[in-house]
Amino acid sequence: MVSMKITPHVLKAYIDTCRDRLVGHYISHPVLLNPSTVAFHVSGRDGGSLVICLDQTHPRFYLGDSVNEKGKIDRPFMTGVRHELTNAFCKGIEIINDDMIIRLDLEIVNKVYKEERRFLYIELIPHHPNLVITNGDDVVQSLYRASALTSKRPLAKNLAYVPPAKPEYSDAAGNVDPEEYLAFCRSLETSIDTEKRKSVLGAKRQELLRQKKSLENKLRALNRDLNQATIRLNDTEKGDFIYTHLDEIHSGDTKISDGETVVVLDPLLSPAANAERYYRSAKKAKLTLSYSNQYIAETQKQLDETNANLALLEEADVDQLESCLQQVAKKSAKQRRHPNLISSTAELPYRTKVGDVTVLFGRNATQNRCLTFYLGKAKNHVWLHIQGQSGSHFLIQKDFPTEEEIRFVAAMAIYAAGREDGTVEAAYRKDIRQGSTLGEVILNSYWVIRIDNVPNEAKKAVDEAQK
């Protein structure tokens, strides 16, 4: 990761380079990428986004790529941002008080079509980052983090905005490379996704881990009961043995034996009561055996589904998965309190290896959807499908796989469709989107691969694939 010290001098140098991309353009469609990161769409030919990350350690401001609004999260703060900065026109940008504070001079059109002025203050002060929206008179309209009226710097809605006291910076002017600052910001982008994944899926992961532990304990208990029931199944013979040797049993005896067979007795019970105890034990063992295999199979199935869901959480595209979570939760709300991510392991695709590369493929529309839109998270992984007929979706889980790897998987796609030759469509994952029906894919860009003969290695890879 690139590392650098951000100072007002560094920040000013970067702002000077991106001024033309902001001033004279609209910022709109604010999206909360994670609990501390807001992104706005920036209009214009270059497009892209304005990213404001209020991370405690590395607060930052930079121009990034287009914003993906799928699976976005929300917080009450965003209601105020969307209300105050709807399609705001940027008239200027500057550093305030030679400090780590950026001010955007914005113009909006209110509900009665009247132009109003807004200021967006971005306080990039480590350990105290904040985002404040004020009106033209610098009265706070909305803010990310408020402070009490009794604090040294009261900060709340309808109060006049007062910049924080400037700390002492070691900010010697010198050569500053704005590209270095941008590289530093982009090097931290993985932390944005990590925080979003933690925020969106953290509670679900903990729930699944608790569910897994409970099912594992239940499975162990069921297997223990099964083993004990198998042993107790012969207790009927022990009861018969007691009745056969009644004359040899005396009050207080703890066991009875004929030299080969030994039967333990409860000295506080009569011989008949001891025999009845063994008969009840055998009857209970038979009942346990009749149901244990069914219960064990059902519990094992639930455990497999839970493990599959945990694996899905770790691998899936967080945006697509959050959307899936919301849909499943709505569908299952009346049936169960805590819905699973997927209803069955049958929805998971098959896996195989091509050299050191993992390849996923589905055998039905549900599995195709799962691998393409839930597990397909990398933009430069390659997706394949036989051209001109329905068939399996294939996904090569490697950035920019080689031509040889792509042709091999294309041959697998031909074989999976029941053909020995044919044409396959291939596209990068970033160039496909979900259609309106289950498993449907819309390709924005693709290329075709002609396969005249399917090698035996490709057939073997499909036949031996497992979940």
Protein backbone atom coordinates (compact mmCIF):
# COMPACT_ATOMS: atom_id res chain seq x y z
CA MET A 1 0.00 0.00 0.00
CA VAL A 2 1.22 3.51 -0.82
CA SER A 3 1.88 5.55 2.33
CA MET A 4 2.08 9.30 2.77
CA LYS A 5 1.40 12.06 5.26
CA ILE A 6 -1.62 14.16 4.28
CA THR A 7 -1.32 17.84 5.16
CA PRO A 8 -3.22 20.97 4.06
CA HIS A 9 -0.43 21.60 1.52
CA VAL A 10 -0.87 18.12 0.01
CA LEU A 11 -4.64 18.49 -0.01
CA LYS A 12 -4.50 21.90 -1.72
CA ALA A 13 -2.20 20.56 -4.44
CA TYR A 14 -4.64 17.73 -5.19
CA ILE A 15 -7.68 20.03 -5.21
CA ASP A 16 -5.98 22.29 -7.75
CA THR A 17 -5.72 19.33 -10.14
CA CYS A 18 -9.37 18.26 -9.85
CA ARG A 19 -10.95 21.72 -9.72
CA ASP A 20 -11.94 21.59 -13.40
CA ARG A 21 -13.72 18.25 -12.89
CA LEU A 22 -15.90 19.65 -10.12
CA VAL A 23 -16.45 23.36 -10.68
CA GLY A 24 -19.14 23.87 -13.30
CA HIS A 25 -20.52 20.35 -12.86
CA TYR A 26 -23.34 18.77 -10.89
CA ILE A 27 -22.87 16.38 -7.99
CA SER A 28 -25.86 14.15 -7.39
CA HIS A 29 -27.14 10.72 -6.27
CA PRO A 30 -25.31 10.51 -2.92
CA VAL A 31 -24.65 6.90 -1.91
CA LEU A 32 -23.36 5.53 1.40
CA LEU A 33 -20.68 3.00 0.42
CA ASN A 34 -20.10 2.06 4.05
CA PRO A 35 -21.02 3.72 7.38
CA SER A 36 -18.23 6.30 6.98
CA THR A 37 -17.93 6.77 3.20
CA VAL A 38 -20.20 8.89 0.99
CA ALA A 39 -19.91 9.07 -2.79
CA PHE A 40 -21.58 11.48 -5.23
CA HIS A 41 -22.01 11.07 -8.97
CA VAL A 42 -20.19 13.82 -10.88
CA SER A 43 -21.69 15.01 -14.17
CA GLY A 44 -19.72 15.72 -17.30
CA ARG A 45 -17.85 13.82 -19.97
CA ASP A 46 -15.32 12.40 -17.52
CA GLY A 47 -18.07 11.42 -15.06
CA GLY A 48 -16.88 9.38 -12.15
CA SER A 49 -17.59 10.03 -8.50
CA LEU A 50 -16.64 12.29 -5.64
CA VAL A 51 -15.62 10.07 -2.69
CA ILE A 52 -15.58 11.39 0.88
CA CYS A 53 -14.26 8.90 3.42
CA LEU A 54 -14.59 9.91 7.09
CA ASP A 55 -12.31 7.16 8.34
CA GLN A 56 -10.88 7.97 11.78
CA THR A 57 -7.29 7.16 10.78
CA HIS A 58 -7.13 8.22 7.11
CA PRO A 59 -9.98 10.64 6.29
CA ARG A 60 -9.77 11.52 2.61
CA PHE A 61 -11.40 13.22 -0.38
CA TYR A 62 -10.79 12.22 -3.99
CA LEU A 63 -12.32 11.65 -7.41
CA GLY A 64 -13.01 7.98 -8.13
CA ASP A 65 -14.75 5.71 -10.60
CA SER A 66 -18.49 5.49 -11.20
CA VAL A 67 -20.60 4.61 -8.16
CA ASN A 68 -22.35 1.24 -7.97
CA GLU A 69 -25.69 1.95 -6.29
CA LYS A 70 -26.72 -1.71 -5.96
CA GLY A 71 -26.77 -3.07 -2.45
CA LYS A 72 -26.22 0.41 -0.99
CA ILE A 73 -26.63 0.81 2.75
CA ASP A 74 -28.36 3.68 4.48
CA ARG A 75 -28.22 5.73 7.65
CA PRO A 76 -30.47 8.58 8.95
CA PHE A 77 -27.71 11.05 8.05
CA MET A 78 -28.19 10.27 4.35
CA THR A 79 -31.78 11.55 4.44
CA GLY A 80 -30.46 15.03 5.15
CA VAL A 81 -27.73 14.75 2.52
CA ARG A 82 -30.19 13.73 -0.19
CA HIS A 83 -32.64 16.45 0.86
CA GLU A 84 -30.08 19.26 0.95
CA LEU A 85 -27.88 18.29 -1.99
CA THR A 86 -30.23 17.11 -4.71
CA ASN A 87 -28.50 17.73 -8.04
CA ALA A 88 -26.22 20.42 -6.61
CA PHE A 89 -24.24 22.62 -9.02
CA CYS A 90 -20.64 23.17 -7.91
CA LYS A 91 -19.58 26.84 -8.17
CA GLY A 92 -16.29 26.59 -6.32
CA ILE A 93 -13.96 24.58 -4.10
CA GLU A 94 -11.37 25.80 -1.60
CA ILE A 95 -9.35 25.02 1.52
CA ILE A 96 -10.59 26.78 4.69
CA ASN A 97 -8.17 28.41 7.18
CA ASP A 98 -5.21 26.61 5.59
CA ASP A 99 -6.48 23.56 7.44
CA MET A 100 -7.65 20.06 6.54
CA ILE A 101 -11.10 21.44 5.69
CA ILE A 102 -12.53 21.57 2.18
CA ARG A 103 -15.51 23.74 1.31
CA LEU A 104 -17.65 23.18 -1.77
CA ASP A 105 -19.74 26.17 -2.84
CA LEU A 106 -22.96 24.68 -4.24
CA GLU A 107 -26.23 25.83 -5.74
CA ILE A 108 -29.48 23.84 -5.60
CA VAL A 109 -33.05 24.31 -6.77
CA ASN A 110 -35.58 23.83 -3.98
CA LYS A 111 -39.09 22.35 -4.18
CA VAL A 112 -40.60 25.62 -5.37
CA TYR A 113 -37.95 25.93 -8.11
CA LYS A 114 -36.02 28.67 -6.35
CA GLU A 115 -32.23 28.68 -6.40
CA GLU A 116 -30.57 28.36 -3.00
CA ARG A 117 -26.96 28.32 -1.88
CA ARG A 118 -25.38 25.47 0.05
CA PHE A 119 -21.91 24.91 1.49
CA LEU A 120 -20.50 21.43 1.96
CA TYR A 121 -17.73 21.40 4.58
CA ILE A 122 -15.52 18.29 4.52
CA GLU A 123 -13.42 18.15 7.69
CA LEU A 124 -10.58 15.67 7.07
CA ILE A 125 -9.08 15.93 10.54
CA PRO A 126 -7.76 12.56 11.79
CA HIS A 127 -9.80 11.14 14.68
CA HIS A 128 -12.36 13.96 14.23
CA PRO A 129 -13.58 13.80 10.60
CA ASN A 130 -16.95 15.30 9.77
CA LEU A 131 -19.25 16.35 6.96
CA VAL A 132 -21.43 19.45 7.43
CA ILE A 133 -23.99 20.99 5.09
CA THR A 134 -24.95 24.63 5.67
CA ASN A 135 -27.19 27.14 3.90
CA GLY A 136 -25.99 30.40 2.36
CA ASP A 137 -25.83 32.02 5.82
CA ASP A 138 -23.60 29.18 7.12
CA VAL A 139 -26.34 27.77 9.35
CA VAL A 140 -26.06 24.00 9.70
CA GLN A 141 -28.75 22.07 7.81
CA SER A 142 -27.38 18.55 8.13
CA LEU A 143 -24.22 16.91 9.49
CA TYR A 144 -22.51 13.58 9.93
CA ARG A 145 -21.42 13.94 13.55
CA ALA A 146 -22.94 16.46 16.01
CA SER A 147 -21.38 17.76 19.25
CA ALA A 148 -23.05 18.80 22.50
CA LEU A 149 -24.04 22.40 23.15
CA THR A 150 -21.75 22.35 26.17
CA SER A 151 -18.66 21.40 24.16
CA LYS A 152 -15.96 23.88 23.13
CA ARG A 153 -17.30 23.76 19.59
CA PRO A 154 -21.10 23.24 19.58
CA LEU A 155 -22.17 21.64 16.32
CA ALA A 156 -25.81 20.84 15.64
CA LYS A 157 -28.59 21.54 13.19
CA ASN A 158 -29.74 25.19 13.05
CA LEU A 159 -26.55 26.45 14.71
CA ALA A 160 -24.04 28.68 12.90
CA TYR A 161 -21.12 26.70 11.53
CA VAL A 162 -17.80 27.38 13.22
CA PRO A 163 -14.64 25.72 11.84
CA PRO A 164 -12.60 23.70 14.34
CA ALA A 165 -9.52 25.24 15.90
CA LYS A 166 -6.53 24.67 13.66
CA PRO A 167 -3.91 22.35 15.15
CA GLU A 168 -0.21 22.74 14.53
CA TYR A 169 0.82 21.03 11.30
CA SER A 170 4.30 20.25 10.10
CA ASP A 171 3.41 21.36 6.61
CA ALA A 172 6.55 22.54 4.92
CA ALA A 173 5.83 23.59 1.37
CA GLY A 174 7.62 21.51 -1.22
CA ASN A 175 7.07 19.48 -4.33
CA VAL A 176 3.78 17.63 -4.02
CA ASP A 177 2.68 15.03 -6.54
CA PRO A 178 -1.14 14.99 -6.65
CA GLU A 179 -0.98 11.58 -8.32
CA GLU A 180 0.78 10.26 -5.22
CA TYR A 181 -2.10 11.50 -3.07
CA LEU A 182 -4.64 9.90 -5.42
CA ALA A 183 -2.67 6.63 -5.42
CA PHE A 184 -2.70 6.68 -1.62
CA CYS A 185 -6.49 7.15 -1.54
CA ARG A 186 -7.04 4.35 -4.05
CA SER A 187 -4.75 2.03 -2.10
CA LEU A 188 -7.23 2.29 0.77
CA GLU A 189 -10.30 1.46 -1.33
CA THR A 190 -10.24 -2.17 -0.21
CA SER A 191 -10.90 -0.94 3.33
CA ILE A 192 -14.09 0.73 2.06
CA ASP A 193 -15.37 -2.62 0.78
CA THR A 194 -14.22 -4.37 3.96
CA GLU A 195 -16.14 -1.94 6.16
CA LYS A 196 -19.20 -2.25 3.95
CA ARG A 197 -19.04 -6.04 4.06
CA LYS A 198 -18.70 -5.89 7.84
CA SER A 199 -21.61 -3.48 8.17
CA VAL A 200 -23.93 -5.26 5.75
CA LEU A 201 -23.09 -8.89 6.44
CA GLY A 202 -21.42 -8.95 9.86
CA ALA A 203 -24.62 -9.66 11.82
CA LYS A 204 -25.69 -12.35 9.34
CA ARG A 205 -22.29 -14.03 9.60
CA GLN A 206 -22.49 -14.13 13.40
CA GLU A 207 -25.99 -15.55 13.18
CA LEU A 208 -24.81 -18.28 10.80
CA LEU A 209 -21.83 -19.10 13.03
CA ARG A 210 -24.15 -19.50 16.03
CA GLN A 211 -26.46 -21.64 13.92
CA LYS A 212 -23.51 -23.77 12.78
CA LYS A 213 -22.31 -24.34 16.34
CA SER A 214 -25.82 -25.29 17.47
CA LEU A 215 -26.25 -27.78 14.61
CA GLU A 216 -22.83 -29.31 15.23
CA ASN A 217 -23.73 -29.83 18.90
CA LYS A 218 -27.07 -31.32 17.91
CA LEU A 219 -25.40 -33.66 15.41
CA ARG A 220 -22.93 -34.87 18.03
CA ALA A 221 -25.77 -35.50 20.49
CA LEU A 222 -27.78 -37.42 17.89
CA ASN A 223 -24.80 -39.62 16.98
CA ARG A 224 -24.12 -40.23 20.66
CA ASP A 225 -27.76 -41.26 21.19
CA LEU A 226 -27.56 -43.52 18.15
CA ASN A 227 -24.46 -45.29 19.47
CA GLN A 228 -26.01 -45.73 22.90
CA ALA A 229 -29.28 -47.00 21.39
CA THR A 230 -27.34 -49.59 19.36
CA ILE A 231 -25.74 -50.84 22.56
CA ARG A 232 -29.05 -50.88 24.50
CA LEU A 233 -30.86 -52.75 21.77
CA ASN A 234 -29.90 -56.05 23.43
CA ASP A 235 -31.31 -55.03 26.83
CA THR A 236 -34.33 -57.29 26.17
CA GLU A 237 -32.01 -60.29 26.52
CA LYS A 238 -30.79 -58.90 29.88
CA GLY A 239 -34.37 -58.68 31.13
CA ASP A 240 -35.01 -62.26 30.02
CA PHE A 241 -31.78 -63.32 31.74
CA ILE A 242 -33.01 -61.85 35.05
CA TYR A 243 -36.32 -63.75 34.87
CA THR A 244 -34.45 -66.94 33.99
CA HIS A 245 -32.26 -66.65 37.13
CA LEU A 246 -34.79 -65.21 39.60
CA ASP A 247 -34.00 -67.86 42.20
CA GLU A 248 -30.35 -66.88 42.20
CA ILE A 249 -30.95 -63.16 42.90
CA HIS A 250 -30.88 -61.99 46.52
CA SER A 251 -31.79 -58.62 48.03
CA GLY A 252 -28.94 -56.12 47.63
CA ASP A 253 -27.25 -57.92 44.72
CA THR A 254 -25.52 -55.56 42.27
CA LYS A 255 -25.08 -58.09 39.47
CA ILE A 256 -25.93 -61.59 38.33
CA SER A 257 -23.74 -63.87 36.22
CA ASP A 258 -23.71 -67.41 34.86
CA GLY A 259 -19.99 -67.31 34.11
CA GLU A 260 -20.40 -65.97 30.54
CA THR A 261 -23.09 -63.29 30.82
CA VAL A 262 -23.01 -60.53 33.44
CA VAL A 263 -26.08 -58.35 34.09
CA VAL A 264 -25.82 -55.27 36.31
CA LEU A 265 -28.62 -54.84 38.88
CA ASP A 266 -29.89 -51.88 40.86
CA PRO A 267 -29.73 -53.15 44.48
CA LEU A 268 -32.63 -50.88 45.47
CA LEU A 269 -35.02 -52.51 42.96
CA SER A 270 -36.66 -55.90 42.95
CA PRO A 271 -35.63 -58.46 40.31
CA ALA A 272 -38.87 -57.83 38.39
CA ALA A 273 -38.30 -54.05 38.48
CA ASN A 274 -34.73 -54.56 37.23
CA ALA A 275 -35.99 -56.71 34.37
CA GLU A 276 -38.67 -54.13 33.50
CA ARG A 277 -36.01 -51.40 33.46
CA TYR A 278 -34.07 -53.32 30.79
CA TYR A 279 -37.24 -53.93 28.74
CA ARG A 280 -38.04 -50.18 28.77
CA SER A 281 -34.44 -49.41 27.78
CA ALA A 282 -34.64 -51.78 24.80
CA LYS A 283 -37.99 -50.34 23.71
CA LYS A 284 -36.63 -46.80 23.88
CA ALA A 285 -33.52 -47.87 21.93
CA LYS A 286 -35.68 -49.30 19.14
CA LEU A 287 -37.66 -46.06 18.96
CA THR A 288 -34.44 -44.02 18.91
CA LEU A 289 -32.99 -46.15 16.12
CA SER A 290 -36.15 -45.79 14.02
CA TYR A 291 -35.89 -41.98 14.03
CA SER A 292 -32.19 -41.25 14.54
CA ASN A 293 -31.07 -41.70 10.94
CA GLN A 294 -33.83 -39.38 9.74
CA TYR A 295 -32.95 -36.73 12.34
CA ILE A 296 -29.23 -37.04 11.62
CA ALA A 297 -29.81 -36.68 7.88
CA GLU A 298 -32.03 -33.60 8.38
CA THR A 299 -29.53 -32.00 10.78
CA GLN A 300 -26.61 -32.75 8.45
CA LYS A 301 -28.53 -31.15 5.57
CA GLN A 302 -29.14 -28.00 7.65
CA LEU A 303 -25.45 -27.94 8.63
CA ASP A 304 -24.38 -28.30 4.97
CA GLU A 305 -26.67 -25.41 4.01
CA THR A 306 -25.30 -23.27 6.83
CA ASN A 307 -21.70 -24.00 5.77
CA ALA A 308 -22.65 -23.23 2.17
CA ASN A 309 -24.15 -19.91 3.27
CA LEU A 310 -21.01 -19.04 5.22
CA ALA A 311 -18.91 -19.81 2.15
CA LEU A 312 -21.25 -17.66 0.08
CA LEU A 313 -20.76 -14.76 2.49
CA GLU A 314 -17.00 -14.98 2.16
CA GLU A 315 -16.93 -15.21 -1.64
CA ALA A 316 -19.93 -13.28 -2.88
CA ASP A 317 -20.11 -9.79 -4.34
CA VAL A 318 -21.35 -7.75 -1.37
CA ASP A 319 -23.63 -5.55 -3.50
CA GLN A 320 -25.36 -8.49 -5.19
CA LEU A 321 -25.55 -10.46 -1.95
CA GLU A 322 -27.13 -7.61 0.01
CA SER A 323 -29.83 -7.39 -2.65
CA CYS A 324 -30.32 -11.15 -2.40
CA LEU A 325 -30.53 -10.95 1.40
CA GLN A 326 -33.26 -8.34 1.22
CA GLN A 327 -35.31 -10.36 -1.28
CA VAL A 328 -34.99 -13.61 0.67
CA ALA A 329 -35.85 -11.86 3.94
CA LYS A 330 -39.06 -10.44 2.48
CA LYS A 331 -40.05 -13.76 0.97
CA SER A 332 -39.36 -15.77 4.14
CA ALA A 333 -40.49 -13.33 6.83
CA LYS A 334 -43.77 -15.16 7.48
CA GLN A 335 -42.18 -18.61 7.46
CA ARG A 336 -39.18 -18.16 9.75
CA ARG A 337 -37.58 -15.48 11.83
CA HIS A 338 -34.02 -15.81 10.50
CA PRO A 339 -34.04 -16.65 6.77
CA ASN A 340 -31.10 -18.42 5.13
CA LEU A 341 -29.28 -16.78 2.26
CA ILE A 342 -30.08 -19.65 -0.04
CA SER A 343 -32.77 -22.27 0.40
CA SER A 344 -30.59 -25.26 -0.44
CA THR A 345 -27.07 -26.33 -1.34
CA ALA A 346 -28.66 -27.27 -4.69
CA GLU A 347 -28.38 -23.57 -5.61
CA LEU A 348 -24.57 -23.61 -5.36
CA PRO A 349 -22.61 -24.13 -8.60
CA TYR A 350 -20.09 -26.87 -9.33
CA ARG A 351 -16.33 -26.32 -8.95
CA THR A 352 -13.36 -27.72 -10.76
CA LYS A 353 -9.72 -26.85 -11.31
CA VAL A 354 -8.02 -25.95 -14.58
CA GLY A 355 -4.38 -26.00 -13.54
CA ASP A 356 -4.28 -23.64 -10.57
CA VAL A 357 -7.41 -21.75 -11.60
CA THR A 358 -10.85 -22.39 -10.09
CA VAL A 359 -13.72 -22.67 -12.57
CA LEU A 360 -17.39 -22.52 -11.55
CA PHE A 361 -20.32 -23.71 -13.64
CA GLY A 362 -24.02 -24.31 -13.16
CA ARG A 363 -26.25 -27.12 -14.34
CA ASN A 364 -29.52 -25.18 -14.06
CA ALA A 365 -30.79 -21.60 -14.09
CA THR A 366 -30.59 -21.20 -10.30
CA GLN A 367 -26.96 -22.32 -10.15
CA ASN A 368 -26.15 -20.14 -13.17
CA ARG A 369 -27.57 -17.09 -11.38
CA CYS A 370 -25.67 -17.91 -8.19
CA LEU A 371 -22.24 -18.19 -9.84
CA THR A 372 -22.73 -15.25 -12.21
CA PHE A 373 -24.29 -12.66 -9.91
CA TYR A 374 -23.57 -13.78 -6.34
CA LEU A 375 -20.11 -15.36 -6.60
CA GLY A 376 -18.89 -13.37 -9.62
CA LYS A 377 -17.38 -10.40 -7.81
CA ALA A 378 -14.23 -9.55 -9.79
CA LYS A 379 -14.56 -7.29 -12.82
CA ASN A 380 -11.88 -9.06 -14.86
CA HIS A 381 -12.95 -12.67 -14.30
CA VAL A 382 -14.14 -14.27 -17.55
CA TRP A 383 -17.70 -15.57 -18.07
CA LEU A 384 -18.56 -18.08 -20.84
CA HIS A 385 -21.71 -19.62 -22.34
CA ILE A 386 -22.46 -21.69 -25.45
CA GLN A 387 -23.87 -19.53 -28.23
CA GLY A 388 -27.34 -20.02 -29.64
CA GLN A 389 -28.81 -22.39 -27.05
CA SER A 390 -29.46 -22.73 -23.34
CA GLY A 391 -26.62 -24.15 -21.31
CA SER A 392 -24.30 -23.85 -18.36
CA HIS A 393 -22.72 -20.56 -17.33
CA PHE A 394 -18.98 -20.88 -16.70
CA LEU A 395 -16.87 -18.46 -14.67
CA ILE A 396 -13.06 -18.44 -14.59
CA GLN A 397 -12.06 -17.03 -11.20
CA LYS A 398 -8.87 -15.33 -12.33
CA ASP A 399 -8.12 -11.80 -13.50
CA PHE A 400 -7.36 -11.80 -17.23
CA PRO A 401 -6.92 -15.58 -17.72
CA THR A 402 -4.69 -16.74 -20.56
CA GLU A 403 -6.04 -17.56 -24.01
CA GLU A 404 -5.22 -21.22 -23.42
CA GLU A 405 -7.23 -21.27 -20.17
CA ILE A 406 -10.18 -19.53 -21.82
CA ARG A 407 -10.22 -22.00 -24.77
CA PHE A 408 -10.07 -24.95 -22.37
CA VAL A 409 -13.08 -23.69 -20.40
CA ALA A 410 -14.88 -22.91 -23.66
CA ALA A 411 -14.45 -26.60 -24.59
CA MET A 412 -15.94 -27.49 -21.19
CA ALA A 413 -18.96 -25.30 -21.97
CA ILE A 414 -19.45 -27.11 -25.30
CA TYR A 415 -19.30 -30.51 -23.59
CA ALA A 416 -21.65 -29.41 -20.77
CA ALA A 417 -24.21 -28.48 -23.46
CA GLY A 418 -24.04 -32.02 -24.92
CA ARG A 419 -22.07 -31.01 -28.00
CA GLU A 420 -18.71 -31.98 -29.47
CA ASP A 421 -18.19 -28.68 -31.28
CA GLY A 422 -19.70 -25.22 -31.38
CA THR A 423 -19.25 -21.53 -30.62
CA VAL A 424 -18.93 -20.02 -27.17
CA GLU A 425 -19.55 -16.42 -26.08
CA ALA A 426 -17.01 -15.00 -23.61
CA ALA A 427 -17.11 -11.71 -21.69
CA TYR A 428 -15.45 -10.06 -18.74
CA ARG A 429 -17.64 -10.03 -15.63
CA LYS A 430 -17.77 -6.22 -15.69
CA ASP A 431 -19.51 -6.34 -19.09
CA ILE A 432 -22.54 -8.43 -18.08
CA ARG A 433 -25.70 -7.65 -16.15
CA GLN A 434 -28.72 -9.54 -14.92
CA GLY A 435 -31.75 -9.97 -17.14
CA SER A 436 -35.42 -10.04 -16.17
CA THR A 437 -35.78 -13.83 -15.95
CA LEU A 438 -33.97 -16.39 -13.80
CA GLY A 439 -30.45 -17.03 -15.11
CA GLU A 440 -30.76 -14.52 -17.98
CA VAL A 441 -27.62 -12.52 -18.77
CA ILE A 442 -27.32 -9.37 -20.87
CA LEU A 443 -23.90 -8.83 -22.49
CA ASN A 444 -22.66 -5.29 -23.04
CA SER A 445 -19.53 -6.56 -24.80
CA TYR A 446 -18.25 -10.06 -25.69
CA TRP A 447 -16.14 -12.11 -28.08
CA VAL A 448 -16.69 -15.57 -29.56
CA ILE A 449 -14.55 -18.71 -29.50
CA ARG A 450 -14.96 -21.56 -31.99
CA ILE A 451 -14.32 -25.08 -30.67
CA ASP A 452 -14.07 -27.88 -33.27
CA ASN A 453 -13.14 -30.70 -30.92
CA VAL A 454 -13.58 -31.16 -27.15
CA PRO A 455 -10.46 -32.74 -25.58
CA ASN A 456 -10.88 -35.57 -23.09
CA GLU A 457 -9.29 -33.45 -20.35
CA ALA A 458 -12.12 -30.90 -20.67
CA LYS A 459 -14.74 -33.67 -20.48
CA LYS A 460 -13.06 -35.11 -17.40
CA ALA A 461 -12.99 -31.69 -15.72
CA VAL A 462 -16.78 -31.37 -16.16
CA ASP A 463 -17.58 -34.95 -15.15
CA GLU A 464 -15.45 -34.84 -11.98
CA ALA A 465 -16.57 -31.38 -10.80
CA GLN A 466 -17.98 -31.20 -7.29
CA LYS A 467 -19.83 -28.68 -5.15
